[in-house]
Amino acid sequence: MIPPFGYCSGSESGASALRRYQERKLRLLSFWRDGIERQLAAMNAAISTLEQQMHRDQADHPG
């Protein structure tokens, strides 16, 4: 297996390079998760608004 980019550096030990790589990966995954959570919140708001409009329209125009 090829080590992750930036993993091997002459000035740092393997353990500290691995730690730096893991921290970078954690920041990236957290960034992606936050974006997905924002999109999910927007979708939930859109669904809620549409449901409210449908219930309101149904009350205004029964049958």
PDB file of N, CA and C in Angstrom:
ATOM      1  N   MET A   1       0.847  -1.177   0.000  1.00  0.00           N
ATOM      2  CA  MET A   1       0.000   0.000   0.000  1.00  0.00           C
ATOM      3  C   MET A   1       0.892   1.240   0.000  1.00  0.00           C
ATOM      4  N   ILE A   2       0.496   2.239  -0.748  1.00  0.00           N
ATOM      5  CA  ILE A   2       1.240   3.489  -0.824  1.00  0.00           C
ATOM      6  C   ILE A   2       0.837   4.364   0.358  1.00  0.00           C
ATOM      7  N   PRO A   3       1.806   4.939   1.078  1.00  0.00           N
ATOM      8  CA  PRO A   3       1.452   5.793   2.215  1.00  0.00           C
ATOM      9  C   PRO A   3       0.730   7.050   1.740  1.00  0.00           C
ATOM     10  N   PRO A   4      -0.113   7.648   2.585  1.00  0.00           N
ATOM     11  CA  PRO A   4      -0.830   8.854   2.214  1.00  0.00           C
ATOM     12  C   PRO A   4       0.141   9.973   1.847  1.00  0.00           C
ATOM     13  N   PHE A   5      -0.303  10.861   0.981  1.00  0.00           N
ATOM     14  CA  PHE A   5       0.520  11.983   0.538  1.00  0.00           C
ATOM     15  C   PHE A   5       0.981  12.787   1.743  1.00  0.00           C
ATOM     16  N   GLY A   6       2.249  13.103   1.790  1.00  0.00           N
ATOM     17  CA  GLY A   6       2.789  13.890   2.890  1.00  0.00           C
ATOM     18  C   GLY A   6       3.071  13.073   4.136  1.00  0.00           C
ATOM     19  N   TYR A   7       2.903  11.773   4.056  1.00  0.00           N
ATOM     20  CA  TYR A   7       3.076  10.914   5.230  1.00  0.00           C
ATOM     21  C   TYR A   7       4.535  10.826   5.649  1.00  0.00           C
ATOM     22  N   CYS A   8       5.428  10.620   4.692  1.00  0.00           N
ATOM     23  CA  CYS A   8       6.836  10.446   5.018  1.00  0.00           C
ATOM     24  C   CYS A   8       7.565  11.770   4.861  1.00  0.00           C
ATOM     25  N   SER A   9       8.142  12.204   5.916  1.00  0.00           N
ATOM     26  CA  SER A   9       8.928  13.432   5.887  1.00  0.00           C
ATOM     27  C   SER A   9      10.190  13.176   6.691  1.00  0.00           C
ATOM     28  N   GLY A  10      11.310  13.653   6.193  1.00  0.00           N
ATOM     29  CA  GLY A  10      12.573  13.381   6.850  1.00  0.00           C
ATOM     30  C   GLY A  10      12.680  13.998   8.225  1.00  0.00           C
ATOM     31  N   SER A  11      11.946  15.085   8.492  1.00  0.00           N
ATOM     32  CA  SER A  11      12.117  15.802   9.751  1.00  0.00           C
ATOM     33  C   SER A  11      11.192  15.325  10.861  1.00  0.00           C
ATOM     34  N   GLU A  12      10.254  14.435  10.562  1.00  0.00           N
ATOM     35  CA  GLU A  12       9.349  13.985  11.619  1.00  0.00           C
ATOM     36  C   GLU A  12       9.264  12.468  11.639  1.00  0.00           C
ATOM     37  N   SER A  13       8.928  11.929  12.785  1.00  0.00           N
ATOM     38  CA  SER A  13       8.832  10.484  12.908  1.00  0.00           C
ATOM     39  C   SER A  13       7.576   9.984  12.208  1.00  0.00           C
ATOM     40  N   GLY A  14       7.518   8.692  11.981  1.00  0.00           N
ATOM     41  CA  GLY A  14       6.342   8.095  11.355  1.00  0.00           C
ATOM     42  C   GLY A  14       5.094   8.321  12.168  1.00  0.00           C
ATOM     43  N   ALA A  15       5.217   8.256  13.499  1.00  0.00           N
ATOM     44  CA  ALA A  15       4.041   8.423  14.358  1.00  0.00           C
ATOM     45  C   ALA A  15       3.494   9.843  14.265  1.00  0.00           C
ATOM     46  N   SER A  16       4.380  10.841  14.252  1.00  0.00           N
ATOM     47  CA  SER A  16       3.869  12.218  14.186  1.00  0.00           C
ATOM     48  C   SER A  16       3.319  12.535  12.797  1.00  0.00           C
ATOM     49  N   ALA A  17       3.895  11.947  11.756  1.00  0.00           N
ATOM     50  CA  ALA A  17       3.365  12.137  10.407  1.00  0.00           C
ATOM     51  C   ALA A  17       1.991  11.494  10.286  1.00  0.00           C
ATOM     52  N   LEU A  18       1.841  10.315  10.856  1.00  0.00           N
ATOM     53  CA  LEU A  18       0.546   9.648  10.832  1.00  0.00           C
ATOM     54  C   LEU A  18      -0.495  10.480  11.576  1.00  0.00           C
ATOM     55  N   ARG A  19      -0.091  11.004  12.713  1.00  0.00           N
ATOM     56  CA  ARG A  19      -1.004  11.835  13.509  1.00  0.00           C
ATOM     57  C   ARG A  19      -1.448  13.063  12.703  1.00  0.00           C
ATOM     58  N   ARG A  20      -0.503  13.710  12.017  1.00  0.00           N
ATOM     59  CA  ARG A  20      -0.831  14.880  11.199  1.00  0.00           C
ATOM     60  C   ARG A  20      -1.794  14.507  10.072  1.00  0.00           C
ATOM     61  N   TYR A  21      -1.550  13.376   9.433  1.00  0.00           N
ATOM     62  CA  TYR A  21      -2.426  12.882   8.375  1.00  0.00           C
ATOM     63  C   TYR A  21      -3.830  12.620   8.919  1.00  0.00           C
ATOM     64  N   GLN A  22      -3.921  11.972  10.081  1.00  0.00           N
ATOM     65  CA  GLN A  22      -5.229  11.656  10.662  1.00  0.00           C
ATOM     66  C   GLN A  22      -5.984  12.925  11.036  1.00  0.00           C
ATOM     67  N   GLU A  23      -5.272  13.925  11.559  1.00  0.00           N
ATOM     68  CA  GLU A  23      -5.927  15.187  11.911  1.00  0.00           C
ATOM     69  C   GLU A  23      -6.458  15.897  10.673  1.00  0.00           C
ATOM     70  N   ARG A  24      -5.673  15.866   9.593  1.00  0.00           N
ATOM     71  CA  ARG A  24      -6.108  16.474   8.333  1.00  0.00           C
ATOM     72  C   ARG A  24      -7.342  15.747   7.792  1.00  0.00           C
ATOM     73  N   LYS A  25      -7.321  14.426   7.864  1.00  0.00           N
ATOM     74  CA  LYS A  25      -8.454  13.633   7.389  1.00  0.00           C
ATOM     75  C   LYS A  25      -9.695  13.907   8.240  1.00  0.00           C
ATOM     76  N   LEU A  26      -9.529  14.038   9.542  1.00  0.00           N
ATOM     77  CA  LEU A  26     -10.646  14.331  10.434  1.00  0.00           C
ATOM     78  C   LEU A  26     -11.263  15.686  10.094  1.00  0.00           C
ATOM     79  N   ARG A  27     -10.419  16.695   9.838  1.00  0.00           N
ATOM     80  CA  ARG A  27     -10.936  18.014   9.460  1.00  0.00           C
ATOM     81  C   ARG A  27     -11.722  17.939   8.158  1.00  0.00           C
ATOM     82  N   LEU A  28     -11.222  17.187   7.192  1.00  0.00           N
ATOM     83  CA  LEU A  28     -11.905  17.042   5.908  1.00  0.00           C
ATOM     84  C   LEU A  28     -13.251  16.346   6.073  1.00  0.00           C
ATOM     85  N   LEU A  29     -13.272  15.242   6.804  1.00  0.00           N
ATOM     86  CA  LEU A  29     -14.522  14.513   7.006  1.00  0.00           C
ATOM     87  C   LEU A  29     -15.532  15.354   7.783  1.00  0.00           C
ATOM     88  N   SER A  30     -15.070  16.123   8.765  1.00  0.00           N
ATOM     89  CA  SER A  30     -15.966  17.003   9.519  1.00  0.00           C
ATOM     90  C   SER A  30     -16.540  18.089   8.617  1.00  0.00           C
ATOM     91  N   PHE A  31     -15.711  18.623   7.721  1.00  0.00           N
ATOM     92  CA  PHE A  31     -16.169  19.631   6.768  1.00  0.00           C
ATOM     93  C   PHE A  31     -17.267  19.059   5.881  1.00  0.00           C
ATOM     94  N   TRP A  32     -17.053  17.855   5.357  1.00  0.00           N
ATOM     95  CA  TRP A  32     -18.066  17.209   4.522  1.00  0.00           C
ATOM     96  C   TRP A  32     -19.348  16.973   5.301  1.00  0.00           C
ATOM     97  N   ARG A  33     -19.227  16.472   6.543  1.00  0.00           N
ATOM     98  CA  ARG A  33     -20.405  16.202   7.366  1.00  0.00           C
ATOM     99  C   ARG A  33     -21.203  17.474   7.610  1.00  0.00           C
ATOM    100  N   ASP A  34     -20.511  18.567   7.931  1.00  0.00           N
ATOM    101  CA  ASP A  34     -21.196  19.833   8.188  1.00  0.00           C
ATOM    102  C   ASP A  34     -21.976  20.295   6.959  1.00  0.00           C
ATOM    103  N   GLY A  35     -21.392  20.133   5.787  1.00  0.00           N
ATOM    104  CA  GLY A  35     -22.089  20.500   4.551  1.00  0.00           C
ATOM    105  C   GLY A  35     -23.324  19.643   4.326  1.00  0.00           C
ATOM    106  N   ILE A  36     -23.201  18.361   4.577  1.00  0.00           N
ATOM    107  CA  ILE A  36     -24.343  17.455   4.419  1.00  0.00           C
ATOM    108  C   ILE A  36     -25.435  17.792   5.422  1.00  0.00           C
ATOM    109  N   GLU A  37     -25.047  18.122   6.653  1.00  0.00           N
ATOM    110  CA  GLU A  37     -26.036  18.491   7.668  1.00  0.00           C
ATOM    111  C   GLU A  37     -26.775  19.770   7.280  1.00  0.00           C
ATOM    112  N   ARG A  38     -26.058  20.731   6.671  1.00  0.00           N
ATOM    113  CA  ARG A  38     -26.719  21.956   6.203  1.00  0.00           C
ATOM    114  C   ARG A  38     -27.725  21.634   5.106  1.00  0.00           C
ATOM    115  N   GLN A  39     -27.338  20.759   4.177  1.00  0.00           N
ATOM    116  CA  GLN A  39     -28.249  20.374   3.099  1.00  0.00           C
ATOM    117  C   GLN A  39     -29.466  19.640   3.655  1.00  0.00           C
ATOM    118  N   LEU A  40     -29.258  18.768   4.630  1.00  0.00           N
ATOM    119  CA  LEU A  40     -30.355  18.028   5.233  1.00  0.00           C
ATOM    120  C   LEU A  40     -31.317  18.973   5.956  1.00  0.00           C
ATOM    121  N   ALA A  41     -30.771  19.956   6.660  1.00  0.00           N
ATOM    122  CA  ALA A  41     -31.621  20.931   7.348  1.00  0.00           C
ATOM    123  C   ALA A  41     -32.455  21.714   6.333  1.00  0.00           C
ATOM    124  N   ALA A  42     -31.850  22.081   5.217  1.00  0.00           N
ATOM    125  CA  ALA A  42     -32.583  22.810   4.178  1.00  0.00           C
ATOM    126  C   ALA A  42     -33.692  21.940   3.578  1.00  0.00           C
ATOM    127  N   MET A  43     -33.395  20.675   3.349  1.00  0.00           N
ATOM    128  CA  MET A  43     -34.416  19.771   2.799  1.00  0.00           C
ATOM    129  C   MET A  43     -35.563  19.568   3.783  1.00  0.00           C
ATOM    130  N   ASN A  44     -35.228  19.404   5.074  1.00  0.00           N
ATOM    131  CA  ASN A  44     -36.277  19.248   6.083  1.00  0.00           C
ATOM    132  C   ASN A  44     -37.150  20.495   6.155  1.00  0.00           C
ATOM    133  N   ALA A  45     -36.557  21.672   6.045  1.00  0.00           N
ATOM    134  CA  ALA A  45     -37.328  22.912   6.067  1.00  0.00           C
ATOM    135  C   ALA A  45     -38.232  23.000   4.840  1.00  0.00           C
ATOM    136  N   ALA A  46     -37.736  22.614   3.679  1.00  0.00           N
ATOM    137  CA  ALA A  46     -38.538  22.648   2.460  1.00  0.00           C
ATOM    138  C   ALA A  46     -39.713  21.677   2.559  1.00  0.00           C
ATOM    139  N   ILE A  47     -39.467  20.493   3.081  1.00  0.00           N
ATOM    140  CA  ILE A  47     -40.540  19.496   3.249  1.00  0.00           C
ATOM    141  C   ILE A  47     -41.589  20.016   4.221  1.00  0.00           C
ATOM    142  N   SER A  48     -41.141  20.573   5.332  1.00  0.00           N
ATOM    143  CA  SER A  48     -42.071  21.098   6.332  1.00  0.00           C
ATOM    144  C   SER A  48     -42.932  22.219   5.757  1.00  0.00           C
ATOM    145  N   THR A  49     -42.309  23.121   5.031  1.00  0.00           N
ATOM    146  CA  THR A  49     -43.053  24.228   4.419  1.00  0.00           C
ATOM    147  C   THR A  49     -44.072  23.708   3.422  1.00  0.00           C
ATOM    148  N   LEU A  50     -43.685  22.768   2.597  1.00  0.00           N
ATOM    149  CA  LEU A  50     -44.601  22.210   1.609  1.00  0.00           C
ATOM    150  C   LEU A  50     -45.770  21.498   2.285  1.00  0.00           C
ATOM    151  N   GLU A  51     -45.493  20.744   3.350  1.00  0.00           N
ATOM    152  CA  GLU A  51     -46.572  20.065   4.081  1.00  0.00           C
ATOM    153  C   GLU A  51     -47.543  21.081   4.683  1.00  0.00           C
ATOM    154  N   GLN A  52     -47.008  22.172   5.241  1.00  0.00           N
ATOM    155  CA  GLN A  52     -47.870  23.211   5.803  1.00  0.00           C
ATOM    156  C   GLN A  52     -48.741  23.835   4.717  1.00  0.00           C
ATOM    157  N   GLN A  53     -48.158  24.099   3.554  1.00  0.00           N
ATOM    158  CA  GLN A  53     -48.924  24.673   2.447  1.00  0.00           C
ATOM    159  C   GLN A  53     -50.020  23.717   1.992  1.00  0.00           C
ATOM    160  N   MET A  54     -49.705  22.422   1.924  1.00  0.00           N
ATOM    161  CA  MET A  54     -50.697  21.438   1.491  1.00  0.00           C
ATOM    162  C   MET A  54     -51.846  21.356   2.480  1.00  0.00           C
ATOM    163  N   HIS A  55     -51.528  21.369   3.791  1.00  0.00           N
ATOM    164  CA  HIS A  55     -52.584  21.320   4.801  1.00  0.00           C
ATOM    165  C   HIS A  55     -53.426  22.587   4.771  1.00  0.00           C
ATOM    166  N   ARG A  56     -52.783  23.740   4.573  1.00  0.00           N
ATOM    167  CA  ARG A  56     -53.499  25.001   4.494  1.00  0.00           C
ATOM    168  C   ARG A  56     -54.417  25.013   3.274  1.00  0.00           C
ATOM    169  N   ASP A  57     -53.908  24.576   2.126  1.00  0.00           N
ATOM    170  CA  ASP A  57     -54.693  24.544   0.903  1.00  0.00           C
ATOM    171  C   ASP A  57     -55.863  23.581   1.023  1.00  0.00           C
ATOM    172  N   GLN A  58     -55.631  22.452   1.707  1.00  0.00           N
ATOM    173  CA  GLN A  58     -56.693  21.470   1.896  1.00  0.00           C
ATOM    174  C   GLN A  58     -57.790  22.044   2.794  1.00  0.00           C
ATOM    175  N   ALA A  59     -57.419  22.818   3.792  1.00  0.00           N
ATOM    176  CA  ALA A  59     -58.407  23.442   4.679  1.00  0.00           C
ATOM    177  C   ALA A  59     -59.180  24.526   3.950  1.00  0.00           C
ATOM    178  N   ASP A  60     -58.523  25.246   3.053  1.00  0.00           N
ATOM    179  CA  ASP A  60     -59.171  26.320   2.301  1.00  0.00           C
ATOM    180  C   ASP A  60     -60.106  25.776   1.217  1.00  0.00           C
ATOM    181  N   HIS A  61     -59.801  24.612   0.686  1.00  0.00           N
ATOM    182  CA  HIS A  61     -60.572  24.022  -0.419  1.00  0.00           C
ATOM    183  C   HIS A  61     -60.905  22.562  -0.109  1.00  0.00           C
ATOM    184  N   PRO A  62     -61.808  22.315   0.846  1.00  0.00           N
ATOM    185  CA  PRO A  62     -62.120  20.919   1.194  1.00  0.00           C
ATOM    186  C   PRO A  62     -62.811  20.206   0.022  1.00  0.00           C
ATOM    187  N   GLY A  63     -62.479  18.915  -0.089  1.00  0.00           N
ATOM    188  CA  GLY A  63     -63.123  18.043  -1.043  1.00  0.00           C
ATOM    189  C   GLY A  63     -62.825  18.389  -2.415  1.00  0.00           C
TER     190      GLY A  63
END
